[in-house]
Amino acid sequence: MDLGLARGLSLSPPKTCRAKGTANLTMSVTSLLGRLLRNVRAGEPKLAWYHPSIASAPASIAVSSPSFSAGGPIPIRYAGSGVGDNVSPALAWSGVPREAAELALIFEDPDAPLPRPFVHAVAAGIPCNVSGFAEGALSELPSASVMLGYNSFRRIGYAGPRALPAHGPHNYVFQILALRRKLAFGRPPDRKYLLAALAGNVIARGRLDGTFERR
């Protein structure tokens, strides 16, 4: 090659190529991590569903969604930022006891490779005359009386499924809780804060499971 020509040529790859290369490398690393941690999961028993404040309440609330079938895959639209549109799915429930004062919701992933389930949404102060949420409601404030809490990203509101690539299918659980008395929070609650406030207060519960996987 002519030396002058070689000096005049850029031998570095274009920025777009470098960006794609970095993205591919990142995906390869996360996929490898997912495979290595495939058998590492928080576990179903660590769901809020089994917490002492909740576990003794009858599972008499039926929870469903027009967005996905019970136990079926959650569409990509409802997956988290960077994977899907991060829009919360529509939810519906029935069978709330007449004596209930209000409802609460916790949305968790017990298959996350962490010591405890990953929290995707927390909501408190849900009126008993509300029988569901429209699509996107947990991404914004559903109503003036509802308080959205912190997810595991330490952000308020909904964070859609973003299972680790190659980690296998994850189960995602929407849990609706009927409360004997209303809760009062001085700040948006996280899972720990909410569970502490639920002691002796849950009179019924219901859940809806869905799955999501990144290959």
Protein backbone atom coordinates (compact mmCIF):
# COMPACT_ATOMS: atom_id res chain seq x y z
CA MET A 1 0.00 0.00 0.00
CA ASP A 2 1.25 3.49 -0.85
CA LEU A 3 2.46 5.08 2.41
CA GLY A 4 0.88 8.44 1.63
CA LEU A 5 -2.43 6.80 0.80
CA ALA A 6 -2.30 4.72 3.96
CA ARG A 7 -1.77 7.86 6.05
CA GLY A 8 -4.71 9.53 4.39
CA LEU A 9 -7.09 6.66 5.08
CA SER A 10 -8.92 6.19 8.36
CA LEU A 11 -8.23 2.70 9.59
CA SER A 12 -10.67 3.04 12.50
CA PRO A 13 -14.15 1.53 12.01
CA PRO A 14 -17.02 4.01 11.55
CA LYS A 15 -18.90 5.09 14.68
CA THR A 16 -21.99 3.12 13.67
CA CYS A 17 -19.90 -0.04 13.38
CA ARG A 18 -18.29 0.60 16.77
CA ALA A 19 -21.74 1.17 18.34
CA LYS A 20 -23.08 -2.07 16.87
CA GLY A 21 -19.95 -3.91 17.97
CA THR A 22 -20.30 -2.60 21.52
CA ALA A 23 -24.00 -3.51 21.62
CA ASN A 24 -23.25 -7.03 20.35
CA LEU A 25 -20.48 -7.48 22.90
CA THR A 26 -22.75 -6.29 25.71
CA MET A 27 -25.48 -8.69 24.60
CA SER A 28 -22.97 -11.56 24.44
CA VAL A 29 -21.73 -10.82 27.95
CA THR A 30 -25.24 -10.55 29.42
CA SER A 31 -26.29 -13.76 27.64
CA LEU A 32 -23.26 -15.55 29.07
CA LEU A 33 -24.14 -14.21 32.51
CA GLY A 34 -27.73 -15.39 32.04
CA ARG A 35 -26.57 -18.91 31.18
CA LEU A 36 -24.17 -19.01 34.13
CA LEU A 37 -26.90 -17.89 36.52
CA ARG A 38 -29.67 -19.96 34.97
CA ASN A 39 -30.27 -21.95 38.16
CA VAL A 40 -29.89 -18.95 40.49
CA ARG A 41 -33.32 -17.55 41.35
CA ALA A 42 -34.88 -15.78 44.31
CA GLY A 43 -37.61 -18.44 44.44
CA GLU A 44 -41.40 -18.58 44.56
CA PRO A 45 -41.53 -18.85 48.39
CA LYS A 46 -39.98 -15.37 48.70
CA LEU A 47 -42.88 -13.65 46.96
CA ALA A 48 -44.93 -11.21 49.01
CA TRP A 49 -47.70 -13.80 48.56
CA TYR A 50 -46.03 -15.97 51.22
CA HIS A 51 -45.11 -13.18 53.62
CA PRO A 52 -46.53 -13.72 57.15
CA SER A 53 -48.63 -10.56 56.79
CA ILE A 54 -50.33 -12.00 53.70
CA ALA A 55 -50.10 -15.80 53.57
CA SER A 56 -52.95 -16.53 55.98
CA ALA A 57 -55.53 -14.50 54.01
CA PRO A 58 -57.88 -16.52 51.77
CA ALA A 59 -57.06 -16.47 48.06
CA SER A 60 -60.61 -15.45 47.16
CA ILE A 61 -59.90 -12.59 44.72
CA ALA A 62 -59.88 -13.55 41.03
CA VAL A 63 -57.37 -11.55 38.98
CA SER A 64 -57.24 -11.55 35.18
CA SER A 65 -56.00 -9.47 32.27
CA PRO A 66 -57.29 -8.83 28.74
CA SER A 67 -53.63 -8.22 27.83
CA PHE A 68 -52.43 -11.82 28.38
CA SER A 69 -53.75 -15.20 29.49
CA ALA A 70 -53.21 -16.45 33.03
CA GLY A 71 -49.94 -18.34 33.11
CA GLY A 72 -49.21 -17.34 29.51
CA PRO A 73 -46.52 -15.14 27.97
CA ILE A 74 -46.63 -11.40 28.61
CA PRO A 75 -46.49 -9.55 25.25
CA ILE A 76 -43.38 -7.54 24.41
CA ARG A 77 -45.40 -4.30 24.59
CA TYR A 78 -45.48 -4.63 28.37
CA ALA A 79 -41.76 -5.40 28.74
CA GLY A 80 -39.40 -2.87 30.29
CA SER A 81 -37.60 0.02 28.64
CA GLY A 82 -35.06 -1.05 26.07
CA VAL A 83 -36.90 -4.33 25.51
CA GLY A 84 -40.55 -3.28 25.09
CA ASP A 85 -42.73 -0.20 25.48
CA ASN A 86 -42.80 -0.36 29.31
CA VAL A 87 -46.60 0.00 29.32
CA SER A 88 -48.39 -1.73 32.20
CA PRO A 89 -50.97 -4.33 31.11
CA ALA A 90 -54.66 -3.95 31.83
CA LEU A 91 -55.83 -5.78 34.96
CA ALA A 92 -59.25 -6.81 36.29
CA TRP A 93 -60.29 -8.38 39.58
CA SER A 94 -63.42 -9.55 41.40
CA GLY A 95 -64.33 -11.16 44.70
CA VAL A 96 -63.15 -8.33 46.96
CA PRO A 97 -64.83 -8.74 50.40
CA ARG A 98 -67.48 -6.16 51.22
CA GLU A 99 -65.74 -5.26 54.46
CA ALA A 100 -62.51 -4.31 52.68
CA ALA A 101 -61.41 -0.68 53.17
CA GLU A 102 -58.99 -0.51 50.23
CA LEU A 103 -56.67 -2.56 48.04
CA ALA A 104 -52.93 -2.78 47.43
CA LEU A 105 -50.89 -4.28 44.60
CA ILE A 106 -47.41 -5.78 44.36
CA PHE A 107 -45.93 -6.99 41.05
CA GLU A 108 -42.84 -9.21 41.39
CA ASP A 109 -40.45 -11.51 39.54
CA PRO A 110 -39.40 -14.41 41.81
CA ASP A 111 -37.06 -15.81 39.13
CA ALA A 112 -34.62 -12.91 39.21
CA PRO A 113 -31.08 -14.08 40.11
CA LEU A 114 -31.18 -12.11 43.35
CA PRO A 115 -31.62 -12.84 47.07
CA ARG A 116 -35.25 -11.67 46.84
CA PRO A 117 -37.83 -11.14 44.05
CA PHE A 118 -37.43 -8.14 41.79
CA VAL A 119 -40.24 -5.65 42.41
CA HIS A 120 -41.76 -4.24 39.22
CA ALA A 121 -44.59 -2.20 40.73
CA VAL A 122 -46.18 -1.24 44.05
CA ALA A 123 -49.50 0.54 44.48
CA ALA A 124 -51.47 1.39 47.61
CA GLY A 125 -54.69 3.21 48.40
CA ILE A 126 -56.66 1.55 45.60
CA PRO A 127 -60.40 2.20 46.24
CA CYS A 128 -62.57 -0.89 46.69
CA ASN A 129 -64.99 0.30 44.03
CA VAL A 130 -62.18 0.02 41.49
CA SER A 131 -62.29 -3.38 39.78
CA GLY A 132 -59.22 -3.03 37.58
CA PHE A 133 -56.66 -0.85 35.88
CA ALA A 134 -56.63 0.21 32.25
CA GLU A 135 -53.55 -0.42 30.14
CA GLY A 136 -50.80 1.98 31.14
CA ALA A 137 -52.42 2.93 34.46
CA LEU A 138 -49.45 1.79 36.55
CA SER A 139 -47.10 3.73 34.30
CA GLU A 140 -48.82 6.90 35.49
CA LEU A 141 -50.95 7.79 38.51
CA PRO A 142 -54.21 5.79 38.11
CA SER A 143 -56.24 8.21 40.26
CA ALA A 144 -55.78 10.86 42.92
CA SER A 145 -56.31 8.34 45.74
CA VAL A 146 -53.83 5.75 44.48
CA MET A 147 -50.20 6.03 45.56
CA LEU A 148 -47.60 4.39 43.35
CA GLY A 149 -44.57 3.09 45.22
CA TYR A 150 -40.95 2.30 44.43
CA ASN A 151 -39.88 -0.60 42.26
CA SER A 152 -36.48 -2.30 42.59
CA PHE A 153 -34.93 0.30 40.29
CA ARG A 154 -35.82 2.81 43.06
CA ARG A 155 -38.18 4.55 40.66
CA ILE A 156 -41.84 5.23 41.23
CA GLY A 157 -44.30 3.40 39.00
CA TYR A 158 -44.22 0.47 36.63
CA ALA A 159 -41.07 -1.25 35.38
CA GLY A 160 -41.89 -3.95 32.84
CA PRO A 161 -40.30 -7.40 32.59
CA ARG A 162 -36.64 -7.39 31.54
CA ALA A 163 -35.47 -10.90 32.31
CA LEU A 164 -31.75 -11.50 31.91
CA PRO A 165 -31.06 -12.86 28.37
CA ALA A 166 -30.56 -16.64 28.23
CA HIS A 167 -31.65 -17.00 31.87
CA GLY A 168 -34.75 -18.96 30.87
CA PRO A 169 -38.44 -18.20 31.42
CA HIS A 170 -39.34 -15.92 34.32
CA ASN A 171 -42.65 -15.97 36.16
CA TYR A 172 -44.17 -12.56 36.89
CA VAL A 173 -46.83 -12.23 39.57
CA PHE A 174 -49.45 -9.50 40.04
CA GLN A 175 -50.74 -9.73 43.63
CA ILE A 176 -53.91 -7.92 44.72
CA LEU A 177 -54.51 -7.55 48.45
CA ALA A 178 -57.75 -6.53 50.19
CA LEU A 179 -57.18 -4.60 53.41
CA ARG A 180 -59.27 -4.32 56.55
CA ARG A 181 -58.27 -0.71 57.14
CA LYS A 182 -56.77 2.05 55.05
CA LEU A 183 -53.04 2.68 55.11
CA ALA A 184 -51.38 6.05 55.58
CA PHE A 185 -47.91 6.62 54.14
CA GLY A 186 -45.77 9.70 54.55
CA ARG A 187 -43.90 8.82 51.36
CA PRO A 188 -44.35 6.44 48.43
CA PRO A 189 -43.86 2.93 49.83
CA ASP A 190 -41.41 0.33 48.64
CA ARG A 191 -42.06 -3.39 49.14
CA LYS A 192 -40.51 -3.50 52.62
CA TYR A 193 -42.44 -0.44 53.83
CA LEU A 194 -45.72 -1.80 52.46
CA LEU A 195 -45.29 -5.29 53.90
CA ALA A 196 -44.54 -3.87 57.35
CA ALA A 197 -47.78 -1.88 57.19
CA LEU A 198 -49.83 -4.93 56.21
CA ALA A 199 -49.44 -6.85 59.48
CA GLY A 200 -52.89 -8.01 60.64
CA ASN A 201 -54.55 -6.05 57.85
CA VAL A 202 -54.94 -8.40 54.84
CA ILE A 203 -58.35 -10.10 54.62
CA ALA A 204 -58.19 -11.51 51.07
CA ARG A 205 -55.73 -11.88 48.23
CA GLY A 206 -55.52 -12.85 44.58
CA ARG A 207 -52.80 -13.27 41.97
CA LEU A 208 -52.24 -13.38 38.24
CA ASP A 209 -49.12 -15.03 36.82
CA GLY A 210 -47.53 -14.44 33.43
CA THR A 211 -44.23 -15.39 31.86
CA PHE A 212 -41.52 -13.57 29.94
CA GLU A 213 -38.23 -14.74 28.48
CA ARG A 214 -35.33 -13.12 26.62
CA ARG A 215 -33.39 -15.63 24.55
